[in-house]
Amino acid sequence: MSIEVSNLDHLGLVAGIIDEIGIEKKINLLLGEQLPEKITGGQAVKGMLLNGLGLVSSPLYLFSRFFEGKAIEHLIGQEVKAEYFNDDRLGRVLDQLYRTGLNQIFMSVVLEAVKIYQLETSTVHLDSTSFHVHGDYHTLEYESTEDLEPKTVRITYGYSRDKRPDLKQFMMDLICTNDGDVPLWMRIGSGNESDQKQFLQAMKEFKNQLNFDSLMVADSALYTQENLQLLTNIKWLSRVPVRIKAAHKLVEEIDGDDLNPSHIKGYSYQELSKTYGGIQQRWLVVESQLRRESDLKNLEKKIQKERVEVNKKLRTLKSEKFACQPDGETATRKLLKKFLYHEL
């Protein structure tokens, strides 16, 4: 009697959730009739999900190695072998997914997950991130998105969230539940997209496609005059950017004595009614005592550091000779203009 030992690791739990939601069956249904294959499209996607959550990144042609030494029949299905996950089969499935539309597939899975796990969707969060890539990805920079076929994104240079502006990238917009941060809506975009423009479109598509009556929470990229005027019939919550004059003035002029203590320890706030972009709004000015103390400490460090530099520059300036007193005063004022916290 021979005994063969294979690993499941954490993948057994992941495979169980995939089966519980019914992702494999949904993929097979959405992709439709397929030519005789050793693994179905649903099984291929299940394998890719397990690989993606296995913290492994390798070229597609090496994909099958991921399942070597693992209990693949328990994870994927009876009589399934690692070599069935070759780059030809996976490539065909990826093409089918593309033609079907990833958003449609994603939403089908999402609705089932919401139903099975009874996810709370009254409050959702919208945000975006960038993924950098290595390679040329030749896309003519002067092409407009109207020239590209539907659903095609441009991998190009843009604002890099992961501090790699030297690499091209693509964007991902996600809307997640407040209940467990479960993704409800997803969109892949070009690497040079602007959050200010895309957030509004994302919110509208989410409401139209999923029809959840949710409060949409987004960062300050959403808060533009143009966006607010178009956010009809959508409940939203956002941070007002201090770059807006009214917000900057309010933060500068508000008296700490006017702030009300919050039931959350260490916080105080003031509620005001404001109009921006022709839209009546409720603004909250919030102060964190810990953040204030931290900011003051950091400010003191910056002042001390600058003071050392100022004294150094002034000693150098003292050694210079000027034709008259006004010339010396002019040189001193010019020097101090370079510093933020010191003046003459």
Protein backbone atom coordinates (compact mmCIF):
# COMPACT_ATOMS: atom_id res chain seq x y z
CA MET A 1 0.00 0.00 0.00
CA SER A 2 1.46 3.34 -1.06
CA ILE A 3 0.54 6.63 0.53
CA GLU A 4 0.92 9.90 -1.32
CA VAL A 5 0.98 13.12 0.70
CA SER A 6 -0.21 16.37 -0.91
CA ASN A 7 -0.62 19.87 0.50
CA LEU A 8 -3.80 21.89 0.77
CA ASP A 9 -2.37 24.77 2.83
CA HIS A 10 -4.89 27.62 3.01
CA LEU A 11 -6.17 26.85 -0.49
CA GLY A 12 -8.77 24.39 0.82
CA LEU A 13 -10.58 27.25 2.52
CA VAL A 14 -10.43 29.39 -0.63
CA ALA A 15 -11.67 26.52 -2.80
CA GLY A 16 -14.55 25.94 -0.38
CA ILE A 17 -15.66 29.57 -0.63
CA ILE A 18 -15.42 29.45 -4.43
CA ASP A 19 -17.68 26.36 -4.40
CA GLU A 20 -20.06 27.91 -1.87
CA ILE A 21 -20.61 30.99 -4.04
CA GLY A 22 -20.82 28.81 -7.15
CA ILE A 23 -18.20 30.71 -9.14
CA GLU A 24 -17.17 27.72 -11.23
CA LYS A 25 -20.75 26.97 -12.32
CA LYS A 26 -21.44 30.65 -13.07
CA ILE A 27 -18.34 30.93 -15.25
CA ASN A 28 -19.33 27.82 -17.21
CA LEU A 29 -22.84 29.19 -17.69
CA LEU A 30 -21.68 32.65 -18.79
CA LEU A 31 -19.02 31.36 -21.18
CA GLY A 32 -21.55 29.07 -22.84
CA GLU A 33 -20.82 26.01 -24.96
CA GLN A 34 -17.17 24.99 -25.10
CA LEU A 35 -15.19 22.56 -27.22
CA PRO A 36 -14.21 19.32 -25.46
CA GLU A 37 -11.49 20.26 -22.99
CA LYS A 38 -9.80 18.47 -20.13
CA ILE A 39 -10.81 21.29 -17.77
CA THR A 40 -13.80 23.62 -18.05
CA GLY A 41 -13.58 27.39 -18.16
CA GLY A 42 -14.91 27.47 -14.60
CA GLN A 43 -12.19 25.10 -13.42
CA ALA A 44 -9.55 27.20 -15.17
CA VAL A 45 -10.81 30.34 -13.42
CA LYS A 46 -10.91 28.51 -10.09
CA GLY A 47 -7.30 27.50 -10.63
CA MET A 48 -6.33 31.10 -11.43
CA LEU A 49 -8.08 32.33 -8.28
CA LEU A 50 -6.24 29.80 -6.15
CA ASN A 51 -2.97 30.79 -7.82
CA GLY A 52 -3.65 34.48 -7.29
CA LEU A 53 -4.33 33.92 -3.59
CA GLY A 54 -1.31 31.67 -3.30
CA LEU A 55 1.05 34.65 -3.29
CA VAL A 56 2.73 33.35 -6.43
CA SER A 57 3.61 35.34 -9.53
CA SER A 58 5.04 33.55 -12.56
CA PRO A 59 4.66 33.52 -16.36
CA LEU A 60 1.56 31.82 -17.74
CA TYR A 61 3.54 28.96 -19.27
CA LEU A 62 4.79 28.02 -15.77
CA PHE A 63 1.31 28.14 -14.25
CA SER A 64 0.95 24.35 -13.92
CA ARG A 65 3.93 24.19 -11.57
CA PHE A 66 1.85 25.94 -8.93
CA PHE A 67 -0.25 22.80 -8.46
CA GLU A 68 2.67 20.39 -8.27
CA GLY A 69 2.64 18.73 -4.85
CA LYS A 70 -0.84 20.05 -4.07
CA ALA A 71 -4.03 18.02 -3.70
CA ILE A 72 -5.39 19.26 -7.02
CA GLU A 73 -8.25 16.73 -7.21
CA HIS A 74 -9.57 17.98 -3.87
CA LEU A 75 -9.14 21.61 -4.89
CA ILE A 76 -10.38 21.50 -8.50
CA GLY A 77 -12.07 18.17 -9.22
CA GLN A 78 -11.67 14.47 -9.81
CA GLU A 79 -9.17 13.34 -12.45
CA VAL A 80 -7.83 16.88 -12.90
CA LYS A 81 -4.06 17.07 -13.33
CA ALA A 82 -1.65 19.97 -12.99
CA GLU A 83 -0.53 19.77 -16.63
CA TYR A 84 -4.09 20.55 -17.77
CA PHE A 85 -3.47 24.16 -16.66
CA ASN A 86 -1.22 24.98 -19.61
CA ASP A 87 -0.84 28.40 -21.20
CA ASP A 88 -2.87 27.41 -24.28
CA ARG A 89 -5.93 26.43 -22.25
CA LEU A 90 -5.65 29.37 -19.88
CA GLY A 91 -5.16 31.75 -22.81
CA ARG A 92 -8.34 30.52 -24.50
CA VAL A 93 -10.30 30.97 -21.27
CA LEU A 94 -8.93 34.49 -20.78
CA ASP A 95 -10.04 35.36 -24.33
CA GLN A 96 -13.52 34.00 -23.58
CA LEU A 97 -13.73 36.03 -20.38
CA TYR A 98 -12.71 39.16 -22.28
CA ARG A 99 -15.34 38.61 -24.96
CA THR A 100 -18.05 37.93 -22.39
CA GLY A 101 -17.15 41.02 -20.34
CA LEU A 102 -15.42 40.88 -16.99
CA ASN A 103 -17.77 43.39 -15.38
CA GLN A 104 -20.79 41.23 -16.17
CA ILE A 105 -19.07 38.15 -14.74
CA PHE A 106 -17.88 40.02 -11.67
CA MET A 107 -21.34 41.41 -10.88
CA SER A 108 -22.96 38.01 -11.29
CA VAL A 109 -20.60 36.60 -8.67
CA VAL A 110 -21.08 39.64 -6.42
CA LEU A 111 -24.86 39.36 -6.33
CA GLU A 112 -24.60 35.71 -5.35
CA ALA A 113 -22.09 36.53 -2.59
CA VAL A 114 -24.32 39.30 -1.22
CA LYS A 115 -27.23 36.89 -1.13
CA ILE A 116 -25.35 33.96 0.45
CA TYR A 117 -23.47 35.93 3.10
CA GLN A 118 -26.22 38.53 3.67
CA LEU A 119 -23.79 41.40 3.20
CA GLU A 120 -24.80 44.85 4.39
CA THR A 121 -24.80 47.26 1.44
CA SER A 122 -26.32 50.40 2.98
CA THR A 123 -22.85 52.00 3.04
CA VAL A 124 -20.17 51.36 0.42
CA HIS A 125 -16.71 52.80 -0.23
CA LEU A 126 -15.26 53.89 -3.58
CA ASP A 127 -11.54 54.18 -4.23
CA SER A 128 -8.96 53.55 -6.93
CA THR A 129 -5.42 52.28 -7.11
CA SER A 130 -2.72 51.78 -9.72
CA PHE A 131 -0.79 48.66 -10.74
CA HIS A 132 2.58 49.14 -12.36
CA VAL A 133 3.86 46.78 -15.04
CA HIS A 134 7.24 46.00 -16.57
CA GLY A 135 7.51 46.21 -20.35
CA ASP A 136 7.00 48.59 -23.25
CA TYR A 137 3.26 48.07 -23.99
CA HIS A 138 3.34 50.09 -27.19
CA THR A 139 0.24 52.28 -27.26
CA LEU A 140 0.41 55.47 -29.27
CA GLU A 141 0.23 58.29 -26.75
CA TYR A 142 -1.74 60.53 -29.10
CA GLU A 143 -4.54 58.00 -29.53
CA SER A 144 -7.80 58.97 -27.89
CA THR A 145 -9.86 56.40 -26.03
CA GLU A 146 -12.46 56.75 -28.78
CA ASP A 147 -9.99 55.19 -31.22
CA LEU A 148 -9.62 52.04 -29.16
CA GLU A 149 -11.97 49.09 -29.31
CA PRO A 150 -14.50 48.73 -26.49
CA LYS A 151 -13.20 47.52 -23.14
CA THR A 152 -9.56 48.10 -24.15
CA VAL A 153 -7.48 50.10 -21.67
CA ARG A 154 -4.22 51.92 -22.26
CA ILE A 155 -1.23 50.80 -20.22
CA THR A 156 0.66 54.06 -19.98
CA TYR A 157 2.30 56.52 -17.60
CA GLY A 158 0.22 58.25 -14.94
CA TYR A 159 0.12 59.26 -11.28
CA SER A 160 1.62 56.28 -9.45
CA ARG A 161 0.16 55.33 -6.07
CA ASP A 162 3.00 52.88 -5.47
CA LYS A 163 5.77 55.43 -6.10
CA ARG A 164 6.95 54.02 -9.44
CA PRO A 165 6.41 56.87 -11.92
CA ASP A 166 9.11 55.35 -14.13
CA LEU A 167 6.84 52.41 -15.03
CA LYS A 168 3.65 52.24 -17.05
CA GLN A 169 0.49 51.27 -15.24
CA PHE A 170 -3.23 50.58 -15.36
CA MET A 171 -5.93 51.61 -12.88
CA MET A 172 -8.55 49.73 -10.89
CA ASP A 173 -11.69 51.28 -9.40
CA LEU A 174 -13.32 49.31 -6.59
CA ILE A 175 -16.53 49.78 -4.64
CA CYS A 176 -16.52 47.72 -1.44
CA THR A 177 -18.96 47.08 1.37
CA ASN A 178 -18.49 48.69 4.75
CA ASP A 179 -19.32 45.21 6.04
CA GLY A 180 -16.07 43.29 5.61
CA ASP A 181 -14.65 45.32 2.67
CA VAL A 182 -16.10 42.88 0.14
CA PRO A 183 -15.77 44.18 -3.45
CA LEU A 184 -19.17 44.85 -5.05
CA TRP A 185 -18.13 46.61 -8.25
CA MET A 186 -14.90 46.67 -10.24
CA ARG A 187 -13.57 48.45 -13.29
CA ILE A 188 -10.16 48.39 -14.96
CA GLY A 189 -9.06 51.67 -16.54
CA SER A 190 -6.22 53.28 -18.44
CA GLY A 191 -3.09 54.26 -16.55
CA ASN A 192 -3.53 58.01 -16.97
CA GLU A 193 -7.16 58.32 -15.88
CA SER A 194 -8.25 61.02 -13.46
CA ASP A 195 -10.13 60.03 -10.29
CA GLN A 196 -12.10 63.27 -10.42
CA LYS A 197 -13.68 62.26 -13.73
CA GLN A 198 -13.94 58.51 -13.17
CA PHE A 199 -15.44 58.51 -9.66
CA LEU A 200 -18.67 60.11 -10.86
CA GLN A 201 -19.03 57.59 -13.68
CA ALA A 202 -18.26 54.73 -11.31
CA MET A 203 -21.00 55.79 -8.91
CA LYS A 204 -23.56 56.07 -11.68
CA GLU A 205 -22.67 52.69 -13.17
CA PHE A 206 -22.79 51.06 -9.73
CA LYS A 207 -26.26 52.42 -9.06
CA ASN A 208 -27.57 51.48 -12.51
CA GLN A 209 -26.06 48.00 -12.64
CA LEU A 210 -26.61 46.79 -9.07
CA ASN A 211 -29.49 49.03 -7.99
CA PHE A 212 -28.37 49.17 -4.35
CA ASP A 213 -29.68 52.17 -2.40
CA SER A 214 -26.29 52.78 -0.80
CA LEU A 215 -24.53 55.73 0.78
CA MET A 216 -21.42 56.14 -1.36
CA VAL A 217 -18.26 57.11 0.57
CA ALA A 218 -15.37 58.45 -1.52
CA ASP A 219 -12.27 60.55 -0.97
CA SER A 220 -11.81 64.18 -1.98
CA ALA A 221 -11.27 63.27 -5.66
CA LEU A 222 -15.06 63.06 -5.94
CA TYR A 223 -15.58 66.55 -4.57
CA THR A 224 -15.63 68.88 -7.55
CA GLN A 225 -18.27 71.42 -8.47
CA GLU A 226 -19.03 69.60 -11.72
CA ASN A 227 -19.41 66.22 -10.01
CA LEU A 228 -21.67 67.50 -7.25
CA GLN A 229 -24.07 69.01 -9.75
CA LEU A 230 -24.40 65.63 -11.48
CA LEU A 231 -24.82 63.50 -8.35
CA THR A 232 -28.59 63.53 -8.51
CA ASN A 233 -30.44 60.69 -6.77
CA ILE A 234 -27.17 59.35 -5.32
CA LYS A 235 -26.42 59.55 -1.60
CA TRP A 236 -22.78 60.44 -1.02
CA LEU A 237 -20.24 61.29 1.66
CA SER A 238 -16.84 62.80 0.90
CA ARG A 239 -14.01 64.84 2.37
CA VAL A 240 -14.01 68.45 1.30
CA PRO A 241 -10.49 69.27 0.03
CA VAL A 242 -8.82 72.19 1.79
CA ARG A 243 -7.76 73.54 -1.63
CA ILE A 244 -11.31 74.90 -1.91
CA LYS A 245 -11.23 78.49 -0.64
CA ALA A 246 -14.33 78.14 1.54
CA ALA A 247 -12.92 75.05 3.26
CA HIS A 248 -9.47 76.58 3.73
CA LYS A 249 -10.95 79.74 5.22
CA LEU A 250 -13.19 77.74 7.54
CA VAL A 251 -10.34 75.62 8.89
CA GLU A 252 -8.15 78.70 9.36
CA GLU A 253 -10.77 80.78 11.16
CA ILE A 254 -12.71 78.28 13.25
CA ASP A 255 -12.34 78.75 17.01
CA GLY A 256 -11.43 75.66 19.00
CA ASP A 257 -13.92 76.75 21.68
CA ASP A 258 -16.73 76.35 19.14
CA LEU A 259 -16.02 72.64 18.66
CA ASN A 260 -18.33 70.14 20.33
CA PRO A 261 -16.97 67.04 22.07
CA SER A 262 -17.68 63.84 20.17
CA HIS A 263 -18.83 60.58 21.74
CA ILE A 264 -15.63 59.18 20.21
CA LYS A 265 -12.87 59.90 22.71
CA GLY A 266 -10.27 62.40 21.54
CA TYR A 267 -12.40 63.98 18.83
CA SER A 268 -14.38 67.20 18.61
CA TYR A 269 -16.37 68.70 15.76
CA GLN A 270 -18.58 71.49 14.49
CA GLU A 271 -21.48 71.04 12.09
CA LEU A 272 -22.23 73.74 9.51
CA SER A 273 -24.58 74.24 6.60
CA LYS A 274 -22.77 75.24 3.41
CA THR A 275 -23.55 75.65 -0.27
CA TYR A 276 -21.00 74.67 -2.90
CA GLY A 277 -21.62 74.18 -6.58
CA GLY A 278 -25.20 75.26 -5.99
CA ILE A 279 -25.76 72.22 -3.74
CA GLN A 280 -26.79 72.64 -0.10
CA GLN A 281 -24.58 70.45 2.10
CA ARG A 282 -23.82 69.52 5.69
CA TRP A 283 -20.15 70.04 6.51
CA LEU A 284 -18.39 68.64 9.57
CA VAL A 285 -15.14 70.15 10.79
CA VAL A 286 -13.44 67.42 12.84
CA GLU A 287 -10.41 67.74 15.09
CA SER A 288 -8.42 64.83 16.49
CA GLN A 289 -6.55 65.65 19.69
CA LEU A 290 -3.92 62.98 19.03
CA ARG A 291 -3.45 64.17 15.47
CA ARG A 292 -3.16 67.76 16.66
CA GLU A 293 -0.50 66.87 19.22
CA SER A 294 1.40 64.82 16.63
CA ASP A 295 1.22 67.64 14.08
CA LEU A 296 2.49 70.17 16.63
CA LYS A 297 5.45 67.94 17.49
CA ASN A 298 6.30 67.51 13.83
CA LEU A 299 5.95 71.25 13.28
CA GLU A 300 8.32 71.99 16.14
CA LYS A 301 10.89 69.60 14.63
CA LYS A 302 10.60 71.33 11.26
CA ILE A 303 11.02 74.76 12.87
CA GLN A 304 14.09 73.63 14.80
CA LYS A 305 15.62 72.10 11.68
CA GLU A 306 14.96 75.24 9.68
CA ARG A 307 16.35 77.44 12.47
CA VAL A 308 19.69 75.64 12.24
CA GLU A 309 19.76 76.24 8.49
CA VAL A 310 18.76 79.91 8.91
CA ASN A 311 21.54 80.56 11.43
CA LYS A 312 24.03 78.87 9.12
CA LYS A 313 22.99 81.02 6.15
CA LEU A 314 22.99 84.20 8.27
CA ARG A 315 26.55 83.54 9.45
CA THR A 316 27.58 83.21 5.82
CA LEU A 317 25.72 86.41 4.99
CA LYS A 318 27.44 88.30 7.81
CA SER A 319 30.82 87.56 6.27
CA GLU A 320 29.82 89.28 3.04
CA LYS A 321 30.45 92.98 2.40
CA PHE A 322 27.78 95.29 0.98
CA ALA A 323 28.07 98.74 -0.52
CA CYS A 324 25.37 100.11 1.77
CA GLN A 325 22.87 99.13 4.46
CA PRO A 326 19.88 98.81 2.04
CA ASP A 327 21.85 96.27 -0.02
CA GLY A 328 22.46 94.22 3.10
CA GLU A 329 18.79 94.37 4.11
CA THR A 330 17.71 93.37 0.60
CA ALA A 331 20.05 90.36 0.63
CA THR A 332 18.73 89.34 4.06
CA ARG A 333 15.09 89.55 2.97
CA LYS A 334 15.88 87.60 -0.19
CA LEU A 335 17.53 84.91 1.90
CA LEU A 336 14.65 84.59 4.36
CA LYS A 337 12.10 84.25 1.55
CA LYS A 338 13.50 80.76 1.04
CA PHE A 339 12.36 79.73 4.52
CA LEU A 340 8.82 78.91 5.62
CA TYR A 341 8.89 79.50 9.38
CA HIS A 342 11.28 82.45 9.83
CA GLU A 343 11.05 86.09 8.84
CA LEU A 344 12.95 89.33 9.36
